[in-house]
Amino acid sequence: MDKSNKIIGWNKSIDYWVLIQVVVPIAFGLLSIRFGQDTNWDLRDYHLYNAYAYLNGRSNIDLLPAGLSTFLPPYMDVVYFELVQHTAPWLAGFIIGIIQGLNFILIFNISRYCLRAVNIKNVIVAFVLAFLGVLSVGFLSELGTTFWDSVVSLFPLTSLLIIVASMGPILSGLRSAFLSLFLAGLIVGVGGGVKFLSILYFFSLFFSLLFISIPFKRRMALAMLFGVGAAMGLMAADGALFFNTWHQMGNPIFPFMNNFFHSQLTQCSPFLDKCFRPKDFSEEIFYPVIFTVNPFRVNELPYKQINWLIVYWASIYLLIRMAFYRKEKGPFKPEIKLLLLFFWFSAFLWIHLFSIYRYQITIEVLIPLVVFTFFLTAFELKSWAQILLMLILGVVTVLNLNGIPNWGRSSWTDRAYQFNTSWAQAGRIDSVILIGGSLSWIIPALDIKRPFIQIKFNCKPNNHAYVQRASALLRSSHDGKVLVILNHEEINLPHAIAMLRPYNFTFKKENCTYETGYIGRAAFSYQFCPAERIVKDNIGSGLL
């Protein structure tokens, strides 16, 4: 190995680029501290509660307090919850930032394999492309947060790295290729189990494998083995969760595919947010241009990401160019071909299924590498042109940094969250009715062993079945001390009273108080209203 790549003077020589791969994730951990404590809406809506419920066995105590998100996999939420319970919140943010920073290592090594395939052995190029990738606006906006898109990205990127690194054995027909493809499938399957929405990257990799230039039977065998590994990874991660959800809701992957399983408690079908998706076929074709010009088409907050325009027009040109190589091997090395196909399939599936900007972070961080390999392949760039292209990508990245969305941050405190109220005293509450979103974080904050019942959803429940289940829980409150917690930013008091009527409860406006909880130093206020039973009422006569 070249001595220039060594740091001399230690007891053992340390590879310079290995050190870089250690330093960069730590730097992102420090940057996470600089950004502040996460207070995002999803954290309040279900991330804190799902971890608390998983650790305290509340699945049979509460009734959908986090709405439909109650049954999403809680594994990363548990990691965050345990960190903020047992360490300082800033240290938890630092650790999450380091984990997210591991994306750099994967992109860096993917870049090295792809560039080596076209005889670019200068590791600095791979470093620049990987570093620009993790400076993307979507990635930075989630740094240190509980959205987890930049954590589950580690799974498909690791699978992509394994496949790219194994391209030699794959092309040569060596047996080790089968083990590599199974391992890659297993890892991306586990990622799908950590966050269901990342399953789309399994399909992207699977479809990409079908285009590798090897004999058909071997290609299909490798793709099928990859699929078997993915299925095993998914079941290893979520098998017990599927069984428990099936037992409770009659749908193992609730709230998804409820149009097929028909859960008795809800009529949600399907559980996909369509508001960000293209409106027609013409928008599907030009959607990267549309959401670059108008970020609100794919995001609740404004952002700036010019890179999508570059990769879009580059892809259009390259697809046209590919048409002229149909009868030849074409200009693509297998590693680069796999990279481009994975990117295109992922972008296609993301646009058609979700079009929510956060969900495409896995491929957003690959844009600099994709653009660079495109120009390199299409125009056979000289060294000076490669440097110029990296400078252009760098300038565009710096311009994008002015438009990083803020999902909610606070300065750090000693406690990650707290809710000081006299209602938390023992004996004051027998059960709690929640009305509105982002309320379930109050449950771990109050930490009282009483049932919490949500009665407002982002889809229509089965009124009769749900009222029966909720009423059974409320009847278990022998002393009738029922508290209503209301998100007054979503629901006014008259509407809340009307929503309570099917459950045979009401409350008096004058008895309501405003109570405030804190995540970091960010304050969140809600209305607490003691409920009263309606003595004579036709339960189920109202609408949720």
Protein backbone atom coordinates (compact mmCIF):
# COMPACT_ATOMS: atom_id res chain seq x y z
CA MET A 1 0.00 0.00 0.00
CA ASP A 2 1.17 3.50 -0.79
CA LYS A 3 2.94 5.07 2.19
CA SER A 4 1.16 8.35 1.43
CA ASN A 5 -1.99 6.69 2.63
CA LYS A 6 -0.46 5.96 6.04
CA ILE A 7 -0.19 8.01 9.20
CA ILE A 8 3.21 7.22 10.63
CA GLY A 9 4.18 7.67 14.26
CA TRP A 10 1.68 5.41 16.01
CA ASN A 11 2.54 1.98 17.33
CA LYS A 12 0.82 0.61 14.27
CA SER A 13 0.35 2.30 10.93
CA ILE A 14 -3.23 3.39 10.40
CA ASP A 15 -4.74 3.59 6.96
CA TYR A 16 -5.65 7.22 6.30
CA TRP A 17 -8.97 6.42 4.66
CA VAL A 18 -9.98 4.10 7.48
CA LEU A 19 -9.41 7.01 9.86
CA ILE A 20 -11.53 9.26 7.63
CA GLN A 21 -14.37 6.73 7.82
CA VAL A 22 -14.21 6.92 11.61
CA VAL A 23 -13.95 10.70 11.83
CA VAL A 24 -16.83 11.61 9.50
CA PRO A 25 -19.60 9.76 11.43
CA ILE A 26 -18.30 11.29 14.68
CA ALA A 27 -18.45 14.71 13.01
CA PHE A 28 -22.11 14.10 12.19
CA GLY A 29 -22.69 13.15 15.82
CA LEU A 30 -21.24 16.50 16.87
CA LEU A 31 -23.32 18.28 14.23
CA SER A 32 -26.42 16.58 15.65
CA ILE A 33 -25.63 18.16 19.03
CA ARG A 34 -25.23 21.52 17.32
CA PHE A 35 -28.66 21.20 15.66
CA GLY A 36 -30.42 20.69 19.01
CA GLN A 37 -32.94 18.28 20.48
CA ASP A 38 -35.54 16.72 18.21
CA THR A 39 -39.17 17.77 18.86
CA ASN A 40 -40.78 16.69 15.59
CA TRP A 41 -44.52 15.93 15.28
CA ASP A 42 -44.01 12.20 14.68
CA LEU A 43 -41.93 11.95 17.85
CA ARG A 44 -44.89 13.28 19.82
CA ASP A 45 -47.44 11.35 17.80
CA TYR A 46 -46.02 7.82 18.11
CA HIS A 47 -42.25 7.36 18.40
CA LEU A 48 -42.02 7.88 22.17
CA TYR A 49 -45.23 5.99 22.88
CA ASN A 50 -44.46 2.98 20.69
CA ALA A 51 -41.16 2.41 22.49
CA TYR A 52 -42.79 2.88 25.90
CA ALA A 53 -45.62 0.50 25.00
CA TYR A 54 -43.22 -2.15 23.67
CA LEU A 55 -41.09 -2.05 26.82
CA ASN A 56 -44.04 -1.97 29.23
CA GLY A 57 -46.44 -4.41 27.55
CA ARG A 58 -49.21 -1.90 26.92
CA SER A 59 -50.57 -3.45 23.72
CA ASN A 60 -53.49 -4.97 25.64
CA ILE A 61 -53.99 -1.96 27.92
CA ASP A 62 -54.39 0.95 25.50
CA LEU A 63 -56.52 1.32 22.38
CA LEU A 64 -54.67 2.92 19.47
CA PRO A 65 -53.41 5.97 21.43
CA ALA A 66 -51.05 6.78 18.56
CA GLY A 67 -53.79 6.14 15.99
CA LEU A 68 -52.89 3.88 13.10
CA SER A 69 -49.16 4.35 13.80
CA THR A 70 -49.53 2.41 17.07
CA PHE A 71 -48.63 -0.82 15.25
CA LEU A 72 -45.55 0.35 13.34
CA PRO A 73 -42.28 -1.44 14.21
CA PRO A 74 -40.86 0.13 17.39
CA TYR A 75 -37.25 -1.07 17.27
CA MET A 76 -35.45 2.19 16.52
CA ASP A 77 -37.88 4.00 18.80
CA VAL A 78 -36.80 1.66 21.60
CA VAL A 79 -33.15 2.52 20.95
CA TYR A 80 -33.89 6.24 21.21
CA PHE A 81 -36.17 5.80 24.22
CA GLU A 82 -33.60 3.79 26.15
CA LEU A 83 -30.88 6.31 25.30
CA VAL A 84 -32.84 9.31 26.60
CA GLN A 85 -33.94 7.33 29.66
CA HIS A 86 -30.43 6.31 30.72
CA THR A 87 -28.17 9.02 29.26
CA ALA A 88 -28.21 12.77 28.76
CA PRO A 89 -30.45 13.77 25.81
CA TRP A 90 -27.50 15.45 24.05
CA LEU A 91 -25.56 12.18 24.25
CA ALA A 92 -28.52 10.35 22.72
CA GLY A 93 -28.53 12.88 19.88
CA PHE A 94 -24.78 12.41 19.45
CA ILE A 95 -25.13 8.62 19.18
CA ILE A 96 -28.05 8.83 16.73
CA GLY A 97 -26.00 11.29 14.64
CA ILE A 98 -23.07 8.85 14.53
CA ILE A 99 -25.36 6.02 13.43
CA GLN A 100 -26.76 8.20 10.65
CA GLY A 101 -23.22 9.23 9.73
CA LEU A 102 -22.44 5.59 8.90
CA ASN A 103 -24.16 6.26 5.58
CA PHE A 104 -20.97 8.05 4.56
CA ILE A 105 -18.93 4.86 4.97
CA LEU A 106 -21.32 2.90 2.77
CA ILE A 107 -21.50 5.54 0.02
CA PHE A 108 -17.73 5.96 0.14
CA ASN A 109 -17.13 2.25 -0.44
CA ILE A 110 -19.87 1.93 -3.05
CA SER A 111 -18.18 4.81 -4.86
CA ARG A 112 -14.77 3.12 -4.64
CA TYR A 113 -16.06 -0.08 -6.27
CA CYS A 114 -17.97 1.77 -8.99
CA LEU A 115 -15.07 4.10 -9.79
CA ARG A 116 -12.54 1.27 -9.73
CA ALA A 117 -14.64 -0.43 -12.43
CA VAL A 118 -13.86 2.51 -14.74
CA ASN A 119 -10.19 2.68 -13.71
CA ILE A 120 -10.48 5.64 -11.35
CA LYS A 121 -8.36 4.59 -8.40
CA ASN A 122 -7.99 8.01 -6.78
CA VAL A 123 -9.80 7.54 -3.47
CA ILE A 124 -10.24 11.31 -3.09
CA VAL A 125 -12.92 11.21 -5.79
CA ALA A 126 -14.89 8.60 -3.85
CA PHE A 127 -14.49 10.66 -0.67
CA VAL A 128 -15.79 13.84 -2.32
CA LEU A 129 -18.82 12.11 -3.85
CA ALA A 130 -19.69 10.38 -0.57
CA PHE A 131 -19.27 13.56 1.47
CA LEU A 132 -21.43 15.58 -0.93
CA GLY A 133 -24.03 12.81 -0.67
CA VAL A 134 -24.40 13.11 3.09
CA LEU A 135 -24.62 16.89 2.80
CA SER A 136 -27.97 16.54 1.00
CA VAL A 137 -30.85 18.54 2.47
CA GLY A 138 -33.06 15.56 3.29
CA PHE A 139 -30.27 13.77 5.13
CA LEU A 140 -29.19 16.82 7.13
CA SER A 141 -32.78 17.75 8.02
CA GLU A 142 -33.19 14.39 9.80
CA LEU A 143 -29.84 14.38 11.57
CA GLY A 144 -30.40 13.42 15.20
CA THR A 145 -34.17 12.99 14.72
CA THR A 146 -36.49 10.01 15.11
CA PHE A 147 -37.76 9.91 11.53
CA TRP A 148 -35.29 7.04 10.94
CA ASP A 149 -35.22 7.38 7.14
CA SER A 150 -31.46 8.06 7.32
CA VAL A 151 -31.02 5.07 9.65
CA VAL A 152 -32.98 2.46 7.66
CA SER A 153 -31.06 3.68 4.59
CA LEU A 154 -28.10 1.80 6.06
CA PHE A 155 -29.78 -1.52 5.22
CA PRO A 156 -30.38 -1.14 1.46
CA LEU A 157 -27.07 0.70 1.02
CA THR A 158 -25.25 -2.15 2.78
CA SER A 159 -27.01 -4.63 0.48
CA LEU A 160 -26.04 -2.54 -2.55
CA LEU A 161 -22.43 -2.46 -1.36
CA ILE A 162 -22.35 -6.24 -0.90
CA ILE A 163 -23.69 -6.82 -4.42
CA VAL A 164 -21.33 -4.31 -6.03
CA ALA A 165 -18.36 -5.75 -4.13
CA SER A 166 -19.39 -9.27 -5.22
CA MET A 167 -19.76 -8.42 -8.89
CA GLY A 168 -16.65 -10.41 -9.80
CA PRO A 169 -17.92 -13.71 -8.33
CA ILE A 170 -21.40 -12.97 -9.71
CA LEU A 171 -20.08 -12.62 -13.26
CA SER A 172 -17.72 -15.58 -12.87
CA GLY A 173 -20.39 -17.89 -11.49
CA LEU A 174 -18.57 -18.59 -8.23
CA ARG A 175 -20.50 -20.17 -5.37
CA SER A 176 -19.59 -17.31 -3.07
CA ALA A 177 -21.93 -15.10 -5.13
CA PHE A 178 -24.93 -17.05 -3.86
CA LEU A 179 -23.93 -16.48 -0.24
CA SER A 180 -23.38 -12.77 -0.94
CA LEU A 181 -26.80 -12.36 -2.56
CA PHE A 182 -28.51 -14.20 0.29
CA LEU A 183 -26.75 -11.99 2.84
CA ALA A 184 -27.66 -8.86 0.87
CA GLY A 185 -31.30 -9.97 0.81
CA LEU A 186 -31.27 -10.79 4.51
CA ILE A 187 -29.99 -7.30 5.37
CA VAL A 188 -32.45 -5.39 3.19
CA GLY A 189 -35.25 -7.58 4.60
CA VAL A 190 -34.33 -6.65 8.16
CA GLY A 191 -34.38 -3.01 7.04
CA GLY A 192 -37.91 -3.47 5.77
CA GLY A 193 -38.80 -4.87 9.16
CA VAL A 194 -37.36 -1.85 10.93
CA LYS A 195 -39.43 0.51 8.77
CA PHE A 196 -42.03 -0.96 6.41
CA LEU A 197 -41.70 1.80 3.83
CA SER A 198 -38.09 0.86 3.12
CA ILE A 199 -39.31 -2.41 1.57
CA LEU A 200 -39.47 -0.50 -1.71
CA TYR A 201 -35.66 -0.68 -1.83
CA PHE A 202 -35.84 -4.48 -1.77
CA PHE A 203 -37.89 -4.36 -4.96
CA SER A 204 -35.45 -1.86 -6.50
CA LEU A 205 -32.51 -4.16 -5.84
CA PHE A 206 -34.47 -7.25 -6.93
CA PHE A 207 -35.46 -5.70 -10.27
CA SER A 208 -31.89 -4.43 -10.78
CA LEU A 209 -30.51 -7.95 -10.33
CA LEU A 210 -32.68 -9.16 -13.20
CA PHE A 211 -30.63 -7.01 -15.61
CA ILE A 212 -27.18 -8.32 -14.71
CA SER A 213 -25.46 -9.66 -17.84
CA ILE A 214 -25.12 -13.31 -16.84
CA PRO A 215 -26.92 -16.48 -18.06
CA PHE A 216 -30.66 -16.37 -17.43
CA LYS A 217 -30.89 -19.37 -15.09
CA ARG A 218 -28.07 -18.14 -12.87
CA ARG A 219 -29.53 -14.63 -12.87
CA MET A 220 -32.93 -15.91 -11.76
CA ALA A 221 -31.37 -18.20 -9.15
CA LEU A 222 -29.44 -15.29 -7.64
CA ALA A 223 -32.50 -13.01 -7.65
CA MET A 224 -34.67 -15.70 -6.05
CA LEU A 225 -32.05 -16.37 -3.38
CA PHE A 226 -31.90 -12.64 -2.72
CA GLY A 227 -35.69 -12.66 -2.32
CA VAL A 228 -35.59 -15.64 0.06
CA GLY A 229 -33.00 -13.86 2.18
CA ALA A 230 -35.15 -10.72 2.26
CA ALA A 231 -38.23 -12.69 3.34
CA MET A 232 -36.26 -14.36 6.12
CA GLY A 233 -34.86 -11.00 7.26
CA LEU A 234 -38.32 -9.44 7.35
CA MET A 235 -39.78 -12.32 9.34
CA ALA A 236 -36.82 -12.38 11.72
CA ALA A 237 -37.41 -8.71 12.47
CA ASP A 238 -41.21 -8.63 12.50
CA GLY A 239 -42.54 -12.18 12.83
CA ALA A 240 -43.60 -11.73 16.46
CA LEU A 241 -44.97 -8.26 15.69
CA PHE A 242 -47.06 -9.64 12.81
CA PHE A 243 -48.53 -12.34 15.05
CA ASN A 244 -49.41 -9.88 17.82
CA THR A 245 -50.95 -7.40 15.37
CA TRP A 246 -52.96 -10.18 13.71
CA HIS A 247 -54.29 -11.20 17.11
CA GLN A 248 -55.33 -7.64 18.01
CA MET A 249 -56.46 -6.21 14.69
CA GLY A 250 -57.11 -9.16 12.37
CA ASN A 251 -54.44 -7.80 10.00
CA PRO A 252 -50.76 -8.80 10.53
CA ILE A 253 -49.40 -5.71 8.77
CA PHE A 254 -52.04 -3.25 9.99
CA PRO A 255 -52.68 -0.53 8.91
CA PHE A 256 -51.33 -1.55 5.48
CA MET A 257 -53.36 -3.64 3.00
CA ASN A 258 -56.47 -3.32 5.13
CA ASN A 259 -58.53 -3.46 1.94
CA PHE A 260 -57.48 -7.13 1.82
CA PHE A 261 -57.52 -8.14 5.51
CA HIS A 262 -60.55 -6.02 6.57
CA SER A 263 -59.76 -5.34 10.22
CA GLN A 264 -62.93 -5.23 12.31
CA LEU A 265 -61.94 -2.01 14.07
CA THR A 266 -61.22 0.22 11.09
CA GLN A 267 -62.19 0.75 7.50
CA CYS A 268 -58.84 2.20 6.45
CA SER A 269 -58.06 1.16 2.89
CA PRO A 270 -55.33 1.58 1.85
CA PHE A 271 -52.96 3.25 4.33
CA LEU A 272 -51.06 5.46 1.89
CA ASP A 273 -50.91 9.25 1.85
CA LYS A 274 -51.82 10.21 -1.72
CA CYS A 275 -51.70 13.99 -1.32
CA PHE A 276 -48.05 14.25 -2.45
CA ARG A 277 -48.27 11.93 -5.43
CA PRO A 278 -48.42 13.11 -9.08
CA LYS A 279 -51.91 14.03 -10.24
CA ASP A 280 -51.67 12.58 -13.75
CA PHE A 281 -49.35 10.87 -16.21
CA SER A 282 -47.74 14.09 -17.45
CA GLU A 283 -46.78 14.99 -13.88
CA GLU A 284 -45.30 11.52 -13.38
CA ILE A 285 -42.92 12.12 -16.28
CA PHE A 286 -41.75 15.55 -15.12
CA TYR A 287 -42.24 15.16 -11.38
CA PRO A 288 -38.56 15.69 -10.41
CA VAL A 289 -38.73 19.04 -12.18
CA ILE A 290 -42.09 19.89 -10.60
CA PHE A 291 -41.09 19.15 -7.00
CA THR A 292 -37.75 20.91 -7.45
CA VAL A 293 -39.57 24.08 -8.49
CA ASN A 294 -42.34 23.60 -5.91
CA PRO A 295 -41.03 21.61 -2.89
CA PHE A 296 -44.47 21.63 -1.23
CA ARG A 297 -45.59 19.03 -3.77
CA VAL A 298 -43.57 16.41 -1.86
CA ASN A 299 -42.94 17.97 1.53
CA GLU A 300 -44.75 19.84 4.30
CA LEU A 301 -41.82 22.27 4.65
CA PRO A 302 -39.85 24.20 2.02
CA TYR A 303 -36.40 22.97 1.01
CA LYS A 304 -33.88 23.46 -1.79
CA GLN A 305 -32.48 20.51 -3.75
CA ILE A 306 -31.22 21.44 -7.21
CA ASN A 307 -29.46 18.09 -7.62
CA TRP A 308 -32.69 16.43 -8.69
CA LEU A 309 -32.81 18.60 -11.82
CA ILE A 310 -29.29 17.52 -12.77
CA VAL A 311 -29.88 13.82 -12.23
CA TYR A 312 -33.27 13.99 -13.99
CA TRP A 313 -31.99 15.46 -17.25
CA ALA A 314 -28.88 13.30 -17.09
CA SER A 315 -31.08 10.23 -16.72
CA ILE A 316 -33.27 11.25 -19.67
CA TYR A 317 -30.18 11.57 -21.86
CA LEU A 318 -28.72 8.31 -20.60
CA LEU A 319 -31.96 6.39 -21.18
CA ILE A 320 -31.99 7.63 -24.77
CA ARG A 321 -28.35 6.62 -25.13
CA MET A 322 -29.11 3.17 -23.73
CA ALA A 323 -31.60 2.60 -26.53
CA PHE A 324 -28.72 2.63 -29.00
CA TYR A 325 -26.84 -0.08 -27.12
CA ARG A 326 -29.61 -2.64 -26.97
CA LYS A 327 -27.73 -5.08 -29.20
CA GLU A 328 -24.36 -4.45 -27.59
CA LYS A 329 -22.92 -4.75 -24.15
CA GLY A 330 -23.13 -1.00 -23.98
CA PRO A 331 -20.95 1.53 -22.17
CA PHE A 332 -21.87 0.41 -18.67
CA LYS A 333 -19.65 -1.53 -16.37
CA PRO A 334 -21.72 -4.01 -14.31
CA GLU A 335 -21.18 -2.12 -11.04
CA ILE A 336 -22.30 1.20 -12.52
CA LYS A 337 -25.20 -0.42 -14.35
CA LEU A 338 -26.45 -1.89 -11.08
CA LEU A 339 -26.07 1.48 -9.33
CA LEU A 340 -28.03 3.35 -12.00
CA LEU A 341 -30.78 0.75 -12.21
CA PHE A 342 -31.16 0.74 -8.42
CA PHE A 343 -31.45 4.52 -8.43
CA TRP A 344 -33.99 4.62 -11.27
CA PHE A 345 -36.17 1.80 -9.94
CA SER A 346 -36.15 3.39 -6.48
CA ALA A 347 -37.09 6.80 -7.84
CA PHE A 348 -39.87 5.28 -9.95
CA LEU A 349 -41.36 3.33 -7.02
CA TRP A 350 -41.02 6.28 -4.66
CA ILE A 351 -42.87 8.63 -7.04
CA HIS A 352 -45.69 6.15 -7.64
CA LEU A 353 -46.13 4.91 -4.08
CA PHE A 354 -45.33 7.83 -1.79
CA SER A 355 -43.71 10.98 -3.22
CA ILE A 356 -43.00 12.03 0.38
CA TYR A 357 -39.56 13.58 0.24
CA ARG A 358 -38.21 11.99 3.43
CA TYR A 359 -38.73 8.48 2.10
CA GLN A 360 -36.17 8.87 -0.70
CA ILE A 361 -33.15 9.78 1.41
CA THR A 362 -31.61 6.41 0.54
CA ILE A 363 -31.21 7.51 -3.08
CA GLU A 364 -30.84 11.24 -2.43
CA VAL A 365 -27.44 10.59 -0.85
CA LEU A 366 -26.39 8.72 -4.02
CA ILE A 367 -27.16 11.60 -6.40
CA PRO A 368 -23.58 12.99 -6.60
CA LEU A 369 -22.23 9.49 -7.38
CA VAL A 370 -24.98 8.84 -9.92
CA VAL A 371 -24.40 12.17 -11.69
CA PHE A 372 -20.62 11.69 -11.72
CA THR A 373 -20.79 8.15 -13.12
CA PHE A 374 -23.31 9.30 -15.73
CA PHE A 375 -21.04 12.03 -17.13
CA LEU A 376 -18.04 9.76 -16.82
CA THR A 377 -19.76 7.04 -18.84
CA ALA A 378 -21.41 9.30 -21.40
CA PHE A 379 -18.48 11.60 -22.16
CA GLU A 380 -15.33 9.76 -20.98
CA LEU A 381 -14.20 12.74 -18.91
CA LYS A 382 -10.54 13.68 -18.63
CA SER A 383 -9.04 14.37 -15.21
CA TRP A 384 -9.55 18.13 -15.42
CA ALA A 385 -13.20 17.62 -16.41
CA GLN A 386 -13.73 15.26 -13.48
CA ILE A 387 -12.36 17.91 -11.10
CA LEU A 388 -14.59 20.56 -12.68
CA LEU A 389 -17.65 18.32 -12.35
CA MET A 390 -16.94 17.71 -8.65
CA LEU A 391 -16.54 21.46 -8.13
CA ILE A 392 -19.92 22.07 -9.78
CA LEU A 393 -21.56 19.42 -7.59
CA GLY A 394 -19.92 21.01 -4.58
CA VAL A 395 -21.23 24.48 -5.44
CA VAL A 396 -24.74 23.12 -5.97
CA THR A 397 -24.56 21.32 -2.63
CA VAL A 398 -23.54 24.54 -0.85
CA LEU A 399 -26.46 26.37 -2.48
CA ASN A 400 -28.81 23.63 -1.29
CA LEU A 401 -27.65 24.07 2.31
CA ASN A 402 -29.59 27.31 2.54
CA GLY A 403 -32.86 25.40 2.27
CA ILE A 404 -32.67 22.66 4.91
CA PRO A 405 -36.13 22.13 6.46
CA ASN A 406 -36.48 22.26 10.24
CA TRP A 407 -38.85 19.60 11.61
CA GLY A 408 -38.70 20.98 15.14
CA ARG A 409 -35.68 21.54 17.35
CA SER A 410 -35.08 22.72 20.89
CA SER A 411 -32.08 23.54 23.04
CA TRP A 412 -30.88 20.64 25.17
CA THR A 413 -32.11 20.02 28.72
CA ASP A 414 -31.37 17.44 31.40
CA ARG A 415 -34.61 15.57 30.68
CA ALA A 416 -35.70 14.70 27.15
CA TYR A 417 -39.39 15.16 27.98
CA GLN A 418 -41.58 15.90 30.98
CA PHE A 419 -45.19 16.68 31.83
CA ASN A 420 -45.71 18.03 35.34
CA THR A 421 -49.40 18.06 36.24
CA SER A 422 -51.46 17.16 39.29
CA TRP A 423 -53.46 14.77 37.09
CA ALA A 424 -50.52 12.35 37.24
CA GLN A 425 -51.08 11.78 40.96
CA ALA A 426 -52.17 8.27 41.90
CA GLY A 427 -55.93 7.80 42.10
CA ARG A 428 -56.91 10.87 40.09
CA ILE A 429 -57.31 9.03 36.78
CA ASP A 430 -58.79 5.62 35.96
CA SER A 431 -58.70 5.96 32.17
CA VAL A 432 -57.92 8.62 29.58
CA ILE A 433 -59.60 9.50 26.29
CA LEU A 434 -57.35 11.18 23.72
CA ILE A 435 -58.81 13.42 21.02
CA GLY A 436 -56.36 14.59 18.36
CA GLY A 437 -52.91 13.85 17.01
CA SER A 438 -49.44 14.10 18.60
CA LEU A 439 -50.83 13.25 22.06
CA SER A 440 -49.46 9.79 22.81
CA TRP A 441 -46.09 11.11 24.06
CA ILE A 442 -48.01 12.25 27.15
CA ILE A 443 -48.43 8.58 28.15
CA PRO A 444 -44.73 7.90 28.89
CA ALA A 445 -44.43 11.44 30.26
CA LEU A 446 -47.22 10.85 32.82
CA ASP A 447 -46.25 7.19 33.31
CA ILE A 448 -49.53 6.08 34.87
CA LYS A 449 -50.76 2.51 34.53
CA ARG A 450 -54.18 3.35 33.11
CA PRO A 451 -55.72 2.70 29.67
CA PHE A 452 -55.45 5.48 27.08
CA ILE A 453 -57.99 5.44 24.25
CA GLN A 454 -57.76 7.48 21.04
CA ILE A 455 -61.07 8.36 19.32
CA LYS A 456 -59.85 10.55 16.43
CA PHE A 457 -58.05 9.03 13.46
CA ASN A 458 -56.78 9.96 10.02
CA CYS A 459 -59.21 7.40 8.59
CA LYS A 460 -62.68 6.13 9.38
CA PRO A 461 -62.96 3.45 12.09
CA ASN A 462 -65.68 0.82 12.18
CA ASN A 463 -67.95 2.83 14.45
CA HIS A 464 -69.84 0.03 16.19
CA ALA A 465 -66.91 -2.36 16.77
CA TYR A 466 -64.55 0.37 17.90
CA VAL A 467 -67.09 1.93 20.30
CA GLN A 468 -67.70 -1.50 21.81
CA ARG A 469 -63.96 -2.12 22.35
CA ALA A 470 -63.43 1.37 23.81
CA SER A 471 -66.52 1.18 26.02
CA ALA A 472 -65.32 -2.12 27.49
CA LEU A 473 -62.06 -0.46 28.52
CA LEU A 474 -63.89 2.54 29.95
CA ARG A 475 -66.25 0.33 31.96
CA SER A 476 -63.22 -1.16 33.65
CA SER A 477 -62.74 2.25 35.32
CA HIS A 478 -64.75 1.36 38.43
CA ASP A 479 -64.71 4.81 39.97
CA GLY A 480 -65.46 6.48 36.66
CA LYS A 481 -62.52 8.89 36.85
CA VAL A 482 -62.14 9.46 33.13
CA LEU A 483 -59.96 12.28 31.80
CA VAL A 484 -60.18 13.75 28.31
CA ILE A 485 -56.96 15.15 26.83
CA LEU A 486 -57.65 17.34 23.84
CA ASN A 487 -55.34 18.78 21.19
CA HIS A 488 -57.10 22.13 21.00
CA GLU A 489 -55.16 23.09 17.85
CA GLU A 490 -57.04 20.36 15.97
CA ILE A 491 -60.38 20.00 17.76
CA ASN A 492 -62.59 22.63 19.43
CA LEU A 493 -64.57 21.84 22.58
CA PRO A 494 -68.05 21.49 20.99
CA HIS A 495 -66.67 19.04 18.41
CA ALA A 496 -64.90 17.08 21.13
CA ILE A 497 -68.10 16.80 23.16
CA ALA A 498 -69.92 15.49 20.08
CA MET A 499 -67.20 12.89 19.49
CA LEU A 500 -67.52 11.64 23.08
CA ARG A 501 -71.29 11.05 22.87
CA PRO A 502 -71.11 7.53 21.33
CA TYR A 503 -68.99 6.47 24.30
CA ASN A 504 -71.58 7.74 26.79
CA PHE A 505 -69.31 10.50 28.12
CA THR A 506 -69.28 14.28 28.12
CA PHE A 507 -67.52 17.12 29.97
CA LYS A 508 -68.17 20.68 31.06
CA LYS A 509 -66.15 23.39 29.34
CA GLU A 510 -65.63 25.33 32.53
CA ASN A 511 -63.86 22.36 34.13
CA CYS A 512 -61.17 22.20 31.45
CA THR A 513 -57.65 23.40 32.17
CA TYR A 514 -54.61 24.04 30.00
CA GLU A 515 -51.64 21.84 30.89
CA THR A 516 -48.16 22.16 29.44
CA GLY A 517 -45.52 19.54 28.73
CA TYR A 518 -41.96 19.97 27.49
CA ILE A 519 -39.69 18.21 25.03
CA GLY A 520 -36.36 19.82 25.63
CA ARG A 521 -37.32 23.45 26.15
CA ALA A 522 -40.12 23.35 23.60
CA ALA A 523 -43.53 23.75 25.30
CA PHE A 524 -46.69 21.97 24.13
CA SER A 525 -50.05 22.89 25.60
CA TYR A 526 -53.19 20.72 25.72
CA GLN A 527 -56.61 20.87 27.34
CA PHE A 528 -57.38 18.46 30.19
CA CYS A 529 -61.10 17.98 30.86
CA PRO A 530 -62.56 15.65 33.54
CA ALA A 531 -65.29 13.59 31.86
CA GLU A 532 -68.68 12.59 33.22
CA ARG A 533 -70.80 9.61 32.27
CA ILE A 534 -74.09 10.25 30.47
CA VAL A 535 -76.64 8.30 32.47
CA LYS A 536 -79.10 7.65 29.66
CA ASP A 537 -77.83 7.72 26.12
CA ASN A 538 -77.95 5.58 23.03
CA ILE A 539 -74.39 4.36 22.81
CA GLY A 540 -73.24 4.25 19.23
CA SER A 541 -75.75 6.82 18.00
CA GLY A 542 -73.08 9.38 17.18
CA LEU A 543 -70.31 9.40 14.63
CA LEU A 544 -66.57 9.36 15.19
